[in-house]
């Protein structure tokens, strides 16, 4: 089943991939890696999910906020991959930041919201390494922010897309690269 079909089967709606609001890029492709800047928790109405875990929000609400971050990550990946999520070979790593009270210790359970969703949508290629970090504040007072690293099935090298679906030498236009 395609990734797009899995998203439909799960009755998920991807939000619009938001443009950055500062001096940074939302995504960057380097070689066969796609880096996605931190995506903040925004609900399906486009409103910020704000609050501190262990005070205004509980673990389940944080889990849902992390799921929303993951949907934004997927939207950014789709935009970066010219609307073709099949170009993703693997999710490599997530780093999740949880706006937490000092005594809140369930950051991993919160970030599971994103990890679980990526595994539901992408299957085995959605499994990844991860960090779940507590912080005393996040931009705009949001509850969760998550950034991501994906490996792609192709390389953007010297303005040319090179397919890396199979492990072999690729030589085009005097470019040689081992994958």
C-alpha atoms as a PDB file:
ATOM      1  CA  UNK A   1       0.000   0.000   0.000  1.00  0.00           C
ATOM      2  CA  UNK A   2       1.308   3.452  -0.872  1.00  0.00           C
ATOM      3  CA  UNK A   3       2.029   5.962   1.865  1.00  0.00           C
ATOM      4  CA  UNK A   4      -0.687   8.280   0.518  1.00  0.00           C
ATOM      5  CA  UNK A   5      -3.221   5.438   0.627  1.00  0.00           C
ATOM      6  CA  UNK A   6      -2.184   4.626   4.207  1.00  0.00           C
ATOM      7  CA  UNK A   7      -2.783   8.262   5.196  1.00  0.00           C
ATOM      8  CA  UNK A   8      -6.269   8.067   3.638  1.00  0.00           C
ATOM      9  CA  UNK A   9      -6.980   4.699   5.280  1.00  0.00           C
ATOM     10  CA  UNK A  10      -6.136   6.216   8.674  1.00  0.00           C
ATOM     11  CA  UNK A  11      -8.486   9.156   7.907  1.00  0.00           C
ATOM     12  CA  UNK A  12      -5.669  11.636   8.425  1.00  0.00           C
ATOM     13  CA  UNK A  13      -5.521  15.062   6.845  1.00  0.00           C
ATOM     14  CA  UNK A  14      -2.110  16.603   6.391  1.00  0.00           C
ATOM     15  CA  UNK A  15      -1.923  20.295   7.277  1.00  0.00           C
ATOM     16  CA  UNK A  16      -0.500  22.800   4.806  1.00  0.00           C
ATOM     17  CA  UNK A  17       3.300  22.829   4.980  1.00  0.00           C
ATOM     18  CA  UNK A  18       3.949  26.130   6.716  1.00  0.00           C
ATOM     19  CA  UNK A  19       6.585  28.560   5.520  1.00  0.00           C
ATOM     20  CA  UNK A  20       9.293  29.395   8.059  1.00  0.00           C
ATOM     21  CA  UNK A  21       8.655  32.454  10.225  1.00  0.00           C
ATOM     22  CA  UNK A  22      12.313  33.281  10.825  1.00  0.00           C
ATOM     23  CA  UNK A  23      15.762  33.194   9.284  1.00  0.00           C
ATOM     24  CA  UNK A  24      15.865  29.479   8.503  1.00  0.00           C
ATOM     25  CA  UNK A  25      14.619  26.906   6.007  1.00  0.00           C
ATOM     26  CA  UNK A  26      11.670  24.630   6.690  1.00  0.00           C
ATOM     27  CA  UNK A  27      13.508  21.795   4.925  1.00  0.00           C
ATOM     28  CA  UNK A  28      16.925  21.173   3.445  1.00  0.00           C
ATOM     29  CA  UNK A  29      18.127  18.325   1.283  1.00  0.00           C
ATOM     30  CA  UNK A  30      21.805  17.433   1.521  1.00  0.00           C
ATOM     31  CA  UNK A  31      22.855  14.437  -0.540  1.00  0.00           C
ATOM     32  CA  UNK A  32      20.293  11.756   0.212  1.00  0.00           C
ATOM     33  CA  UNK A  33      19.147  13.274   3.501  1.00  0.00           C
ATOM     34  CA  UNK A  34      16.124  15.476   4.134  1.00  0.00           C
ATOM     35  CA  UNK A  35      16.327  17.651   7.245  1.00  0.00           C
ATOM     36  CA  UNK A  36      13.062  19.083   8.554  1.00  0.00           C
ATOM     37  CA  UNK A  37      13.149  22.028  10.945  1.00  0.00           C
ATOM     38  CA  UNK A  38      11.215  21.883  14.174  1.00  0.00           C
ATOM     39  CA  UNK A  39       7.461  21.655  13.683  1.00  0.00           C
ATOM     40  CA  UNK A  40       5.390  23.052  16.509  1.00  0.00           C
ATOM     41  CA  UNK A  41       2.127  21.714  17.904  1.00  0.00           C
ATOM     42  CA  UNK A  42      -0.827  23.142  15.953  1.00  0.00           C
ATOM     43  CA  UNK A  43      -4.324  21.657  16.085  1.00  0.00           C
ATOM     44  CA  UNK A  44      -6.518  20.837  13.088  1.00  0.00           C
ATOM     45  CA  UNK A  45      -8.088  24.318  13.279  1.00  0.00           C
ATOM     46  CA  UNK A  46      -4.657  25.930  12.816  1.00  0.00           C
ATOM     47  CA  UNK A  47      -4.444  27.049  16.447  1.00  0.00           C
ATOM     48  CA  UNK A  48      -1.340  26.630  18.550  1.00  0.00           C
ATOM     49  CA  UNK A  49      -1.451  23.857  21.129  1.00  0.00           C
ATOM     50  CA  UNK A  50       0.025  25.770  24.035  1.00  0.00           C
ATOM     51  CA  UNK A  51       0.886  24.892  27.583  1.00  0.00           C
ATOM     52  CA  UNK A  52       3.296  23.198  29.869  1.00  0.00           C
ATOM     53  CA  UNK A  53       3.170  19.425  30.390  1.00  0.00           C
ATOM     54  CA  UNK A  54       2.559  18.649  34.042  1.00  0.00           C
ATOM     55  CA  UNK A  55       0.686  21.920  34.548  1.00  0.00           C
ATOM     56  CA  UNK A  56      -1.854  22.943  31.868  1.00  0.00           C
ATOM     57  CA  UNK A  57      -1.552  19.715  29.857  1.00  0.00           C
ATOM     58  CA  UNK A  58      -1.389  16.033  30.781  1.00  0.00           C
ATOM     59  CA  UNK A  59       0.599  13.283  29.075  1.00  0.00           C
ATOM     60  CA  UNK A  60      -2.280  12.235  26.770  1.00  0.00           C
ATOM     61  CA  UNK A  61      -2.745  15.819  25.577  1.00  0.00           C
ATOM     62  CA  UNK A  62       0.998  16.050  24.965  1.00  0.00           C
ATOM     63  CA  UNK A  63       0.872  12.775  23.008  1.00  0.00           C
ATOM     64  CA  UNK A  64      -1.835  14.263  20.768  1.00  0.00           C
ATOM     65  CA  UNK A  65       0.214  17.458  20.340  1.00  0.00           C
ATOM     66  CA  UNK A  66       3.206  15.355  19.246  1.00  0.00           C
ATOM     67  CA  UNK A  67       0.995  13.544  16.688  1.00  0.00           C
ATOM     68  CA  UNK A  68       0.084  16.946  15.257  1.00  0.00           C
ATOM     69  CA  UNK A  69       3.803  17.797  14.996  1.00  0.00           C
ATOM     70  CA  UNK A  70       4.337  14.536  13.098  1.00  0.00           C
ATOM     71  CA  UNK A  71       1.583  15.426  10.621  1.00  0.00           C
ATOM     72  CA  UNK A  72       3.343  18.740   9.979  1.00  0.00           C
ATOM     73  CA  UNK A  73       6.641  16.900   9.530  1.00  0.00           C
ATOM     74  CA  UNK A  74       5.026  14.647   6.921  1.00  0.00           C
ATOM     75  CA  UNK A  75       3.569  17.707   5.156  1.00  0.00           C
ATOM     76  CA  UNK A  76       7.004  19.312   5.007  1.00  0.00           C
ATOM     77  CA  UNK A  77       8.531  16.068   3.720  1.00  0.00           C
ATOM     78  CA  UNK A  78       5.859  15.778   1.041  1.00  0.00           C
ATOM     79  CA  UNK A  79       6.477  19.357  -0.109  1.00  0.00           C
ATOM     80  CA  UNK A  80      10.254  18.811  -0.177  1.00  0.00           C
ATOM     81  CA  UNK A  81       9.786  15.588  -2.187  1.00  0.00           C
ATOM     82  CA  UNK A  82       7.647  17.261  -4.877  1.00  0.00           C
ATOM     83  CA  UNK A  83       4.443  15.753  -3.393  1.00  0.00           C
ATOM     84  CA  UNK A  84       5.801  12.187  -3.616  1.00  0.00           C
ATOM     85  CA  UNK A  85       6.216  10.524  -0.215  1.00  0.00           C
ATOM     86  CA  UNK A  86       7.414   7.355  -1.965  1.00  0.00           C
ATOM     87  CA  UNK A  87      10.768   9.145  -2.336  1.00  0.00           C
ATOM     88  CA  UNK A  88      11.329   8.561   1.386  1.00  0.00           C
ATOM     89  CA  UNK A  89      13.534   5.566   2.068  1.00  0.00           C
ATOM     90  CA  UNK A  90      13.596   5.799   5.870  1.00  0.00           C
ATOM     91  CA  UNK A  91      12.924   8.005   8.840  1.00  0.00           C
ATOM     92  CA  UNK A  92      16.303   8.256  10.562  1.00  0.00           C
ATOM     93  CA  UNK A  93      15.755  10.400  13.666  1.00  0.00           C
ATOM     94  CA  UNK A  94      13.321  12.590  15.561  1.00  0.00           C
ATOM     95  CA  UNK A  95      14.268  15.088  18.224  1.00  0.00           C
ATOM     96  CA  UNK A  96      11.299  16.050  20.360  1.00  0.00           C
ATOM     97  CA  UNK A  97      11.175  18.985  22.736  1.00  0.00           C
ATOM     98  CA  UNK A  98       8.516  19.011  25.444  1.00  0.00           C
ATOM     99  CA  UNK A  99       7.578  22.203  27.290  1.00  0.00           C
ATOM    100  CA  UNK A 100       7.574  20.713  30.799  1.00  0.00           C
ATOM    101  CA  UNK A 101       7.293  21.499  34.454  1.00  0.00           C
ATOM    102  CA  UNK A 102      10.467  20.624  36.374  1.00  0.00           C
ATOM    103  CA  UNK A 103       8.927  17.508  37.924  1.00  0.00           C
ATOM    104  CA  UNK A 104       7.341  16.196  34.692  1.00  0.00           C
ATOM    105  CA  UNK A 105       9.189  13.024  33.615  1.00  0.00           C
ATOM    106  CA  UNK A 106       7.030  11.562  30.822  1.00  0.00           C
ATOM    107  CA  UNK A 107       8.655  13.290  27.830  1.00  0.00           C
ATOM    108  CA  UNK A 108       9.243   9.933  26.074  1.00  0.00           C
ATOM    109  CA  UNK A 109       5.534   9.077  26.388  1.00  0.00           C
ATOM    110  CA  UNK A 110       4.648  12.454  24.863  1.00  0.00           C
ATOM    111  CA  UNK A 111       7.002  12.055  21.883  1.00  0.00           C
ATOM    112  CA  UNK A 112       5.611   8.541  21.343  1.00  0.00           C
ATOM    113  CA  UNK A 113       2.689  10.387  19.744  1.00  0.00           C
ATOM    114  CA  UNK A 114       4.933  11.310  16.809  1.00  0.00           C
ATOM    115  CA  UNK A 115       6.871   8.037  16.764  1.00  0.00           C
ATOM    116  CA  UNK A 116       3.703   5.938  16.771  1.00  0.00           C
ATOM    117  CA  UNK A 117       2.140   7.960  13.948  1.00  0.00           C
ATOM    118  CA  UNK A 118       5.228   7.700  11.739  1.00  0.00           C
ATOM    119  CA  UNK A 119       5.274   3.927  12.258  1.00  0.00           C
ATOM    120  CA  UNK A 120       1.528   3.686  11.501  1.00  0.00           C
ATOM    121  CA  UNK A 121       1.913   5.612   8.251  1.00  0.00           C
ATOM    122  CA  UNK A 122       5.307   4.452   6.974  1.00  0.00           C
ATOM    123  CA  UNK A 123       5.518   0.981   8.508  1.00  0.00           C
ATOM    124  CA  UNK A 124       9.053  -0.311   9.054  1.00  0.00           C
ATOM    125  CA  UNK A 125      10.646   2.635   7.231  1.00  0.00           C
ATOM    126  CA  UNK A 126       9.012   4.920   9.796  1.00  0.00           C
ATOM    127  CA  UNK A 127      10.959   3.389  12.688  1.00  0.00           C
ATOM    128  CA  UNK A 128      13.679   5.755  13.847  1.00  0.00           C
ATOM    129  CA  UNK A 129      16.127   6.786  16.541  1.00  0.00           C
ATOM    130  CA  UNK A 130      14.979   9.544  18.824  1.00  0.00           C
ATOM    131  CA  UNK A 131      15.587  11.966  21.648  1.00  0.00           C
ATOM    132  CA  UNK A 132      12.840  13.291  23.935  1.00  0.00           C
ATOM    133  CA  UNK A 133      14.041  16.426  25.686  1.00  0.00           C
ATOM    134  CA  UNK A 134      12.458  18.496  28.439  1.00  0.00           C
ATOM    135  CA  UNK A 135      12.602  22.262  28.115  1.00  0.00           C
ATOM    136  CA  UNK A 136      11.231  25.065  30.262  1.00  0.00           C
ATOM    137  CA  UNK A 137       9.908  27.023  27.265  1.00  0.00           C
ATOM    138  CA  UNK A 138       9.218  26.650  23.547  1.00  0.00           C
ATOM    139  CA  UNK A 139       8.482  29.242  20.842  1.00  0.00           C
ATOM    140  CA  UNK A 140       5.077  30.928  21.195  1.00  0.00           C
ATOM    141  CA  UNK A 141       4.425  28.890  24.351  1.00  0.00           C
ATOM    142  CA  UNK A 142       3.660  25.692  22.403  1.00  0.00           C
ATOM    143  CA  UNK A 143       3.603  22.339  24.163  1.00  0.00           C
ATOM    144  CA  UNK A 144       5.758  20.328  21.730  1.00  0.00           C
ATOM    145  CA  UNK A 145       8.261  20.901  18.918  1.00  0.00           C
ATOM    146  CA  UNK A 146       9.807  18.097  16.857  1.00  0.00           C
ATOM    147  CA  UNK A 147      12.420  18.088  14.094  1.00  0.00           C
ATOM    148  CA  UNK A 148      13.209  15.165  11.810  1.00  0.00           C
ATOM    149  CA  UNK A 149      15.780  13.568   9.557  1.00  0.00           C
ATOM    150  CA  UNK A 150      14.791  11.321   6.637  1.00  0.00           C
ATOM    151  CA  UNK A 151      16.833   9.337   4.130  1.00  0.00           C
ATOM    152  CA  UNK A 152      15.643   9.640   0.540  1.00  0.00           C
ATOM    153  CA  UNK A 153      15.611   7.153  -2.340  1.00  0.00           C
ATOM    154  CA  UNK A 154      17.413   9.705  -4.485  1.00  0.00           C
ATOM    155  CA  UNK A 155      20.220  12.225  -4.275  1.00  0.00           C
ATOM    156  CA  UNK A 156      20.054  15.823  -5.437  1.00  0.00           C
ATOM    157  CA  UNK A 157      23.596  16.370  -6.685  1.00  0.00           C
ATOM    158  CA  UNK A 158      24.733  19.226  -8.913  1.00  0.00           C
ATOM    159  CA  UNK A 159      21.126  19.971  -9.948  1.00  0.00           C
ATOM    160  CA  UNK A 160      20.503  16.387 -10.996  1.00  0.00           C
ATOM    161  CA  UNK A 161      18.295  13.853  -9.282  1.00  0.00           C
ATOM    162  CA  UNK A 162      19.965  10.463  -8.991  1.00  0.00           C
ATOM    163  CA  UNK A 163      17.926   7.412  -7.995  1.00  0.00           C
ATOM    164  CA  UNK A 164      19.503   5.370  -5.181  1.00  0.00           C
ATOM    165  CA  UNK A 165      16.855   2.686  -4.880  1.00  0.00           C
ATOM    166  CA  UNK A 166      19.447  -0.013  -5.567  1.00  0.00           C
ATOM    167  CA  UNK A 167      22.888  -0.136  -3.985  1.00  0.00           C
ATOM    168  CA  UNK A 168      25.322   0.249  -6.859  1.00  0.00           C
ATOM    169  CA  UNK A 169      27.670   2.695  -8.537  1.00  0.00           C
ATOM    170  CA  UNK A 170      25.934   5.517 -10.344  1.00  0.00           C
ATOM    171  CA  UNK A 171      27.752   7.518 -12.982  1.00  0.00           C
ATOM    172  CA  UNK A 172      26.035  10.371 -14.814  1.00  0.00           C
ATOM    173  CA  UNK A 173      27.522  13.514 -16.331  1.00  0.00           C
ATOM    174  CA  UNK A 174      30.944  12.711 -14.905  1.00  0.00           C
ATOM    175  CA  UNK A 175      29.523  12.388 -11.406  1.00  0.00           C
ATOM    176  CA  UNK A 176      30.286   9.202  -9.587  1.00  0.00           C
ATOM    177  CA  UNK A 177      28.800   8.294  -6.286  1.00  0.00           C
ATOM    178  CA  UNK A 178      28.670   5.081  -4.275  1.00  0.00           C
ATOM    179  CA  UNK A 179      25.447   4.297  -2.455  1.00  0.00           C
END
